[in-house]
Amino acid sequence: MNRVFPKAVLFDLDGTLLDSAPDMLAAVNAMRAARDIEPMTLEALRPHVSKGARAMVGAAFPGIDAATRDAWIPEFLEHYRRELGRHGLPFDGIEEVLSAIEAAGSRWGIVTNKPEALAVALMPLLGWETRCDVLIGGDSLPARKPDPLPLQVAAERMGVMEADCVYVGDDERDIVAARAAGMRSVVALWGYRLDGDDPMSWQGDVMLDEPRDMLDPARWVG
């Protein structure tokens, strides 16, 4: 049985490392309050978080058309900047996993579709600014997930081969990107999913129910 952590682990951020839905909820509810609409519940917003800002604004205002939704994205991001790190926390067990990876001599980084500036701003709030080996945001490169480029660049910056990396994510885009990049993938079942999402169909290499499952290196190989 394999008892060695991967040489490098890359993580998605929202819905994988960080339960950021409460921060996102504060942002959409600020927008709703400005329009005299009652607050949205966390349960209603949570499944949309990994789909990005457009999905969250669309969920918060289901009656608007696509053009209006897109025009409201800057407003959402401005509210989110104010709420950044105020409500959300790492998922239970994540800090233990990151410490175990580091103690084993392996390294970890983040590849997210969140704008880079927002992801970077979160790092000191989480105490990760000196621990995270590489951070690639959704606007860091000409392409973002599900394109494999961000994962490939992350591996290059870490000085490791793609085959020596594992990518952990809670959205189908994460698994598609990992496969295209030549990395093994872990489906984070503790993350955010719509009711119609079928993680089995994503064909990830490993599916784990909770972050602490990653504390056993044998679980990384399926």
C-alpha atoms as a PDB file:
ATOM      1  CA  MET A   1       0.000   0.000   0.000  1.00  0.00           C
ATOM      2  CA  ASN A   2       1.372   3.411  -0.977  1.00  0.00           C
ATOM      3  CA  ARG A   3       2.176   5.502   2.103  1.00  0.00           C
ATOM      4  CA  VAL A   4       3.876   8.452   0.428  1.00  0.00           C
ATOM      5  CA  PHE A   5       2.156  11.767  -0.207  1.00  0.00           C
ATOM      6  CA  PRO A   6       2.317  13.112  -3.769  1.00  0.00           C
ATOM      7  CA  LYS A   7       5.392  15.222  -4.459  1.00  0.00           C
ATOM      8  CA  ALA A   8       3.155  18.221  -5.181  1.00  0.00           C
ATOM      9  CA  VAL A   9      -0.528  18.780  -4.455  1.00  0.00           C
ATOM     10  CA  LEU A  10      -2.538  21.466  -6.216  1.00  0.00           C
ATOM     11  CA  PHE A  11      -5.899  22.488  -4.813  1.00  0.00           C
ATOM     12  CA  ASP A  12      -8.905  24.369  -6.043  1.00  0.00           C
ATOM     13  CA  LEU A  13      -9.780  27.105  -3.528  1.00  0.00           C
ATOM     14  CA  ASP A  14     -13.518  27.768  -3.114  1.00  0.00           C
ATOM     15  CA  GLY A  15     -15.355  24.597  -2.177  1.00  0.00           C
ATOM     16  CA  THR A  16     -12.168  22.566  -1.801  1.00  0.00           C
ATOM     17  CA  LEU A  17      -9.859  24.290   0.678  1.00  0.00           C
ATOM     18  CA  LEU A  18     -12.142  27.103   1.752  1.00  0.00           C
ATOM     19  CA  ASP A  19     -15.802  27.226   2.712  1.00  0.00           C
ATOM     20  CA  SER A  20     -16.186  30.701   1.213  1.00  0.00           C
ATOM     21  CA  ALA A  21     -19.950  30.497   0.682  1.00  0.00           C
ATOM     22  CA  PRO A  22     -20.686  32.699   3.747  1.00  0.00           C
ATOM     23  CA  ASP A  23     -18.565  35.520   2.276  1.00  0.00           C
ATOM     24  CA  MET A  24     -20.294  35.119  -1.081  1.00  0.00           C
ATOM     25  CA  LEU A  25     -23.689  35.149   0.642  1.00  0.00           C
ATOM     26  CA  ALA A  26     -22.891  38.461   2.341  1.00  0.00           C
ATOM     27  CA  ALA A  27     -21.985  39.906  -1.060  1.00  0.00           C
ATOM     28  CA  VAL A  28     -25.155  38.817  -2.879  1.00  0.00           C
ATOM     29  CA  ASN A  29     -27.316  39.864   0.039  1.00  0.00           C
ATOM     30  CA  ALA A  30     -25.796  43.346  -0.027  1.00  0.00           C
ATOM     31  CA  MET A  31     -26.878  43.504  -3.670  1.00  0.00           C
ATOM     32  CA  ARG A  32     -30.353  42.207  -2.832  1.00  0.00           C
ATOM     33  CA  ALA A  33     -30.740  44.691   0.032  1.00  0.00           C
ATOM     34  CA  ALA A  34     -29.900  47.557  -2.323  1.00  0.00           C
ATOM     35  CA  ARG A  35     -32.845  46.404  -4.454  1.00  0.00           C
ATOM     36  CA  ASP A  36     -35.219  45.869  -1.514  1.00  0.00           C
ATOM     37  CA  ILE A  37     -35.162  42.085  -1.904  1.00  0.00           C
ATOM     38  CA  GLU A  38     -35.166  39.774   1.111  1.00  0.00           C
ATOM     39  CA  PRO A  39     -31.888  38.001   1.927  1.00  0.00           C
ATOM     40  CA  MET A  40     -30.979  34.777   0.169  1.00  0.00           C
ATOM     41  CA  THR A  41     -30.248  31.737   2.332  1.00  0.00           C
ATOM     42  CA  LEU A  42     -26.866  30.044   2.522  1.00  0.00           C
ATOM     43  CA  GLU A  43     -28.463  26.733   1.522  1.00  0.00           C
ATOM     44  CA  ALA A  44     -29.778  28.287  -1.703  1.00  0.00           C
ATOM     45  CA  LEU A  45     -26.468  29.889  -2.700  1.00  0.00           C
ATOM     46  CA  ARG A  46     -23.981  27.227  -1.598  1.00  0.00           C
ATOM     47  CA  PRO A  47     -24.408  24.837  -4.594  1.00  0.00           C
ATOM     48  CA  HIS A  48     -23.554  27.652  -7.042  1.00  0.00           C
ATOM     49  CA  VAL A  49     -20.323  28.899  -5.454  1.00  0.00           C
ATOM     50  CA  SER A  50     -17.893  26.714  -7.426  1.00  0.00           C
ATOM     51  CA  LYS A  51     -19.578  27.772 -10.680  1.00  0.00           C
ATOM     52  CA  GLY A  52     -18.295  31.336 -10.316  1.00  0.00           C
ATOM     53  CA  ALA A  53     -19.577  34.891  -9.998  1.00  0.00           C
ATOM     54  CA  ARG A  54     -21.989  34.698 -12.929  1.00  0.00           C
ATOM     55  CA  ALA A  55     -23.642  31.608 -11.516  1.00  0.00           C
ATOM     56  CA  MET A  56     -23.978  33.166  -8.084  1.00  0.00           C
ATOM     57  CA  VAL A  57     -25.444  36.427  -9.371  1.00  0.00           C
ATOM     58  CA  GLY A  58     -27.787  34.437 -11.607  1.00  0.00           C
ATOM     59  CA  ALA A  59     -28.910  32.363  -8.616  1.00  0.00           C
ATOM     60  CA  ALA A  60     -29.425  35.463  -6.492  1.00  0.00           C
ATOM     61  CA  PHE A  61     -31.454  37.192  -9.220  1.00  0.00           C
ATOM     62  CA  PRO A  62     -33.076  34.420 -11.262  1.00  0.00           C
ATOM     63  CA  GLY A  63     -35.293  36.802 -13.232  1.00  0.00           C
ATOM     64  CA  ILE A  64     -32.547  38.850 -14.863  1.00  0.00           C
ATOM     65  CA  ASP A  65     -31.242  38.310 -18.382  1.00  0.00           C
ATOM     66  CA  ALA A  66     -27.658  37.355 -19.179  1.00  0.00           C
ATOM     67  CA  ALA A  67     -26.617  40.877 -20.174  1.00  0.00           C
ATOM     68  CA  THR A  68     -27.873  42.350 -16.891  1.00  0.00           C
ATOM     69  CA  ARG A  69     -26.272  39.548 -14.920  1.00  0.00           C
ATOM     70  CA  ASP A  70     -22.904  40.187 -16.531  1.00  0.00           C
ATOM     71  CA  ALA A  71     -23.228  43.946 -15.985  1.00  0.00           C
ATOM     72  CA  TRP A  72     -23.741  43.309 -12.264  1.00  0.00           C
ATOM     73  CA  ILE A  73     -20.584  41.205 -11.841  1.00  0.00           C
ATOM     74  CA  PRO A  74     -18.349  44.192 -10.912  1.00  0.00           C
ATOM     75  CA  GLU A  75     -20.857  45.178  -8.216  1.00  0.00           C
ATOM     76  CA  PHE A  76     -20.808  41.658  -6.827  1.00  0.00           C
ATOM     77  CA  LEU A  77     -16.999  41.576  -6.809  1.00  0.00           C
ATOM     78  CA  GLU A  78     -16.822  44.923  -5.018  1.00  0.00           C
ATOM     79  CA  HIS A  79     -19.139  43.701  -2.277  1.00  0.00           C
ATOM     80  CA  TYR A  80     -17.185  40.460  -2.092  1.00  0.00           C
ATOM     81  CA  ARG A  81     -13.899  42.355  -1.640  1.00  0.00           C
ATOM     82  CA  ARG A  82     -15.406  44.006   1.437  1.00  0.00           C
ATOM     83  CA  GLU A  83     -16.535  40.658   2.855  1.00  0.00           C
ATOM     84  CA  LEU A  84     -13.394  38.734   1.931  1.00  0.00           C
ATOM     85  CA  GLY A  85     -12.359  36.386   4.710  1.00  0.00           C
ATOM     86  CA  ARG A  86     -14.842  37.806   7.207  1.00  0.00           C
ATOM     87  CA  HIS A  87     -17.189  34.832   7.373  1.00  0.00           C
ATOM     88  CA  GLY A  88     -15.701  31.841   5.544  1.00  0.00           C
ATOM     89  CA  LEU A  89     -13.198  29.377   6.989  1.00  0.00           C
ATOM     90  CA  PRO A  90     -11.140  26.426   5.760  1.00  0.00           C
ATOM     91  CA  PHE A  91     -13.179  23.238   5.717  1.00  0.00           C
ATOM     92  CA  ASP A  92     -12.842  21.125   8.844  1.00  0.00           C
ATOM     93  CA  GLY A  93      -9.672  19.071   8.551  1.00  0.00           C
ATOM     94  CA  ILE A  94      -7.973  21.143   5.839  1.00  0.00           C
ATOM     95  CA  GLU A  95      -5.355  22.636   8.162  1.00  0.00           C
ATOM     96  CA  GLU A  96      -4.426  19.137   9.338  1.00  0.00           C
ATOM     97  CA  VAL A  97      -4.053  17.978   5.735  1.00  0.00           C
ATOM     98  CA  LEU A  98      -1.858  20.922   4.725  1.00  0.00           C
ATOM     99  CA  SER A  99       0.348  20.417   7.787  1.00  0.00           C
ATOM    100  CA  ALA A 100       0.683  16.705   7.021  1.00  0.00           C
ATOM    101  CA  ILE A 101       1.685  17.424   3.413  1.00  0.00           C
ATOM    102  CA  GLU A 102       4.322  19.889   4.605  1.00  0.00           C
ATOM    103  CA  ALA A 103       5.602  17.553   7.331  1.00  0.00           C
ATOM    104  CA  ALA A 104       6.084  14.837   4.715  1.00  0.00           C
ATOM    105  CA  GLY A 105       8.322  17.142   2.686  1.00  0.00           C
ATOM    106  CA  SER A 106       5.769  17.598  -0.083  1.00  0.00           C
ATOM    107  CA  ARG A 107       4.544  20.959  -1.348  1.00  0.00           C
ATOM    108  CA  TRP A 108       1.151  22.408  -2.154  1.00  0.00           C
ATOM    109  CA  GLY A 109      -0.325  25.208  -4.195  1.00  0.00           C
ATOM    110  CA  ILE A 110      -3.603  26.639  -5.419  1.00  0.00           C
ATOM    111  CA  VAL A 111      -5.107  26.840  -8.896  1.00  0.00           C
ATOM    112  CA  THR A 112      -8.432  28.669  -8.807  1.00  0.00           C
ATOM    113  CA  ASN A 113     -10.758  30.455 -11.208  1.00  0.00           C
ATOM    114  CA  LYS A 114     -11.147  33.225  -8.618  1.00  0.00           C
ATOM    115  CA  PRO A 115      -9.488  36.500  -9.744  1.00  0.00           C
ATOM    116  CA  GLU A 116      -5.853  36.369  -8.687  1.00  0.00           C
ATOM    117  CA  ALA A 117      -5.974  39.585  -6.634  1.00  0.00           C
ATOM    118  CA  LEU A 118      -8.809  38.230  -4.496  1.00  0.00           C
ATOM    119  CA  ALA A 119      -7.085  34.879  -3.991  1.00  0.00           C
ATOM    120  CA  VAL A 120      -3.808  36.580  -3.053  1.00  0.00           C
ATOM    121  CA  ALA A 121      -5.631  38.850  -0.583  1.00  0.00           C
ATOM    122  CA  LEU A 122      -7.049  35.779   1.174  1.00  0.00           C
ATOM    123  CA  MET A 123      -3.664  34.168   1.823  1.00  0.00           C
ATOM    124  CA  PRO A 124      -2.549  36.285   4.832  1.00  0.00           C
ATOM    125  CA  LEU A 125      -6.071  36.122   6.283  1.00  0.00           C
ATOM    126  CA  LEU A 126      -5.714  32.324   6.314  1.00  0.00           C
ATOM    127  CA  GLY A 127      -2.044  32.267   7.331  1.00  0.00           C
ATOM    128  CA  TRP A 128      -1.126  30.647   4.042  1.00  0.00           C
ATOM    129  CA  GLU A 129       0.944  33.393   2.401  1.00  0.00           C
ATOM    130  CA  THR A 130       4.292  31.709   3.155  1.00  0.00           C
ATOM    131  CA  ARG A 131       3.009  28.141   2.943  1.00  0.00           C
ATOM    132  CA  CYS A 132       1.333  28.105  -0.464  1.00  0.00           C
ATOM    133  CA  ASP A 133       4.065  27.325  -2.994  1.00  0.00           C
ATOM    134  CA  VAL A 134       2.246  28.663  -6.065  1.00  0.00           C
ATOM    135  CA  LEU A 135      -1.029  30.472  -6.691  1.00  0.00           C
ATOM    136  CA  ILE A 136      -2.664  30.747 -10.122  1.00  0.00           C
ATOM    137  CA  GLY A 137      -5.886  32.755 -10.433  1.00  0.00           C
ATOM    138  CA  GLY A 138      -8.579  32.735 -13.058  1.00  0.00           C
ATOM    139  CA  ASP A 139      -7.131  35.846 -14.704  1.00  0.00           C
ATOM    140  CA  SER A 140      -3.436  35.003 -14.219  1.00  0.00           C
ATOM    141  CA  LEU A 141      -3.075  33.404 -17.665  1.00  0.00           C
ATOM    142  CA  PRO A 142      -4.768  33.553 -21.082  1.00  0.00           C
ATOM    143  CA  ALA A 143      -6.850  30.464 -20.205  1.00  0.00           C
ATOM    144  CA  ARG A 144      -8.462  29.111 -17.061  1.00  0.00           C
ATOM    145  CA  LYS A 145      -9.965  25.798 -15.961  1.00  0.00           C
ATOM    146  CA  PRO A 146     -11.166  23.539 -17.536  1.00  0.00           C
ATOM    147  CA  ASP A 147      -8.218  24.392 -19.790  1.00  0.00           C
ATOM    148  CA  PRO A 148      -5.125  22.570 -18.473  1.00  0.00           C
ATOM    149  CA  LEU A 149      -2.809  25.594 -18.869  1.00  0.00           C
ATOM    150  CA  PRO A 150      -3.104  26.878 -15.268  1.00  0.00           C
ATOM    151  CA  LEU A 151      -2.252  23.453 -13.859  1.00  0.00           C
ATOM    152  CA  GLN A 152       0.641  23.036 -16.265  1.00  0.00           C
ATOM    153  CA  VAL A 153       2.055  26.461 -15.374  1.00  0.00           C
ATOM    154  CA  ALA A 154       1.641  25.739 -11.662  1.00  0.00           C
ATOM    155  CA  ALA A 155       3.668  22.529 -12.016  1.00  0.00           C
ATOM    156  CA  GLU A 156       6.317  24.370 -14.008  1.00  0.00           C
ATOM    157  CA  ARG A 157       6.630  27.077 -11.361  1.00  0.00           C
ATOM    158  CA  MET A 158       6.950  24.434  -8.657  1.00  0.00           C
ATOM    159  CA  GLY A 159       9.651  22.716 -10.673  1.00  0.00           C
ATOM    160  CA  VAL A 160       7.857  19.368 -10.847  1.00  0.00           C
ATOM    161  CA  MET A 161       6.517  17.205 -13.640  1.00  0.00           C
ATOM    162  CA  GLU A 162       2.764  17.169 -14.186  1.00  0.00           C
ATOM    163  CA  ALA A 163       2.768  13.413 -13.512  1.00  0.00           C
ATOM    164  CA  ASP A 164       4.152  14.107 -10.015  1.00  0.00           C
ATOM    165  CA  CYS A 165       1.212  16.400  -9.161  1.00  0.00           C
ATOM    166  CA  VAL A 166      -2.264  15.605  -7.917  1.00  0.00           C
ATOM    167  CA  TYR A 167      -5.078  18.116  -8.328  1.00  0.00           C
ATOM    168  CA  VAL A 168      -7.936  18.266  -5.807  1.00  0.00           C
ATOM    169  CA  GLY A 169     -11.204  19.970  -6.746  1.00  0.00           C
ATOM    170  CA  ASP A 170     -14.945  19.926  -6.189  1.00  0.00           C
ATOM    171  CA  ASP A 171     -16.126  20.845  -9.711  1.00  0.00           C
ATOM    172  CA  GLU A 172     -16.139  18.942 -12.992  1.00  0.00           C
ATOM    173  CA  ARG A 173     -13.922  21.640 -14.526  1.00  0.00           C
ATOM    174  CA  ASP A 174     -11.221  20.721 -12.015  1.00  0.00           C
ATOM    175  CA  ILE A 175     -11.226  17.080 -13.015  1.00  0.00           C
ATOM    176  CA  VAL A 176     -11.317  17.843 -16.744  1.00  0.00           C
ATOM    177  CA  ALA A 177      -8.354  20.203 -16.359  1.00  0.00           C
ATOM    178  CA  ALA A 178      -6.355  17.670 -14.351  1.00  0.00           C
ATOM    179  CA  ARG A 179      -6.927  14.923 -16.890  1.00  0.00           C
ATOM    180  CA  ALA A 180      -5.888  17.202 -19.773  1.00  0.00           C
ATOM    181  CA  ALA A 181      -2.779  18.278 -17.844  1.00  0.00           C
ATOM    182  CA  GLY A 182      -1.692  14.688 -17.217  1.00  0.00           C
ATOM    183  CA  MET A 183      -2.282  14.895 -13.462  1.00  0.00           C
ATOM    184  CA  ARG A 184      -4.122  12.516 -11.179  1.00  0.00           C
ATOM    185  CA  SER A 185      -7.280  14.012  -9.734  1.00  0.00           C
ATOM    186  CA  VAL A 186      -9.159  13.862  -6.448  1.00  0.00           C
ATOM    187  CA  VAL A 187     -12.870  14.736  -6.379  1.00  0.00           C
ATOM    188  CA  ALA A 188     -13.631  16.685  -3.198  1.00  0.00           C
ATOM    189  CA  LEU A 189     -17.125  15.473  -2.362  1.00  0.00           C
ATOM    190  CA  TRP A 190     -17.347  17.867   0.593  1.00  0.00           C
ATOM    191  CA  GLY A 191     -17.502  20.843  -1.797  1.00  0.00           C
ATOM    192  CA  TYR A 192     -20.243  22.702  -3.643  1.00  0.00           C
ATOM    193  CA  ARG A 193     -22.419  20.900  -6.181  1.00  0.00           C
ATOM    194  CA  LEU A 194     -25.732  21.460  -7.885  1.00  0.00           C
ATOM    195  CA  ASP A 195     -28.380  18.786  -7.353  1.00  0.00           C
ATOM    196  CA  GLY A 196     -27.965  17.566 -10.928  1.00  0.00           C
ATOM    197  CA  ASP A 197     -24.184  17.172 -10.737  1.00  0.00           C
ATOM    198  CA  ASP A 198     -22.950  13.582 -10.902  1.00  0.00           C
ATOM    199  CA  PRO A 199     -19.347  13.362  -9.622  1.00  0.00           C
ATOM    200  CA  MET A 200     -19.112   9.729 -10.733  1.00  0.00           C
ATOM    201  CA  SER A 201     -19.446  10.875 -14.346  1.00  0.00           C
ATOM    202  CA  TRP A 202     -16.436  13.185 -14.014  1.00  0.00           C
ATOM    203  CA  GLN A 203     -14.150  10.125 -13.943  1.00  0.00           C
ATOM    204  CA  GLY A 204     -11.763  11.438 -11.328  1.00  0.00           C
ATOM    205  CA  ASP A 205      -9.074   9.061 -10.133  1.00  0.00           C
ATOM    206  CA  VAL A 206     -10.144   9.237  -6.481  1.00  0.00           C
ATOM    207  CA  MET A 207     -13.330  10.393  -4.732  1.00  0.00           C
ATOM    208  CA  LEU A 208     -13.086  11.423  -1.075  1.00  0.00           C
ATOM    209  CA  ASP A 209     -15.921  12.297   1.288  1.00  0.00           C
ATOM    210  CA  GLU A 210     -14.124  14.679   3.630  1.00  0.00           C
ATOM    211  CA  PRO A 211     -10.782  16.482   3.912  1.00  0.00           C
ATOM    212  CA  ARG A 212      -9.408  14.201   6.633  1.00  0.00           C
ATOM    213  CA  ASP A 213      -9.572  11.311   4.180  1.00  0.00           C
ATOM    214  CA  MET A 214      -6.447  12.888   2.661  1.00  0.00           C
ATOM    215  CA  LEU A 215      -4.468  12.344   5.861  1.00  0.00           C
ATOM    216  CA  ASP A 216      -3.890   8.730   4.780  1.00  0.00           C
ATOM    217  CA  PRO A 217      -1.469   8.831   1.810  1.00  0.00           C
ATOM    218  CA  ALA A 218      -2.892   5.528   0.603  1.00  0.00           C
ATOM    219  CA  ARG A 219      -6.193   7.267  -0.156  1.00  0.00           C
ATOM    220  CA  TRP A 220      -4.531   9.410  -2.822  1.00  0.00           C
ATOM    221  CA  VAL A 221      -4.034   6.435  -5.134  1.00  0.00           C
ATOM    222  CA  GLY A 222      -7.561   5.050  -5.040  1.00  0.00           C
END
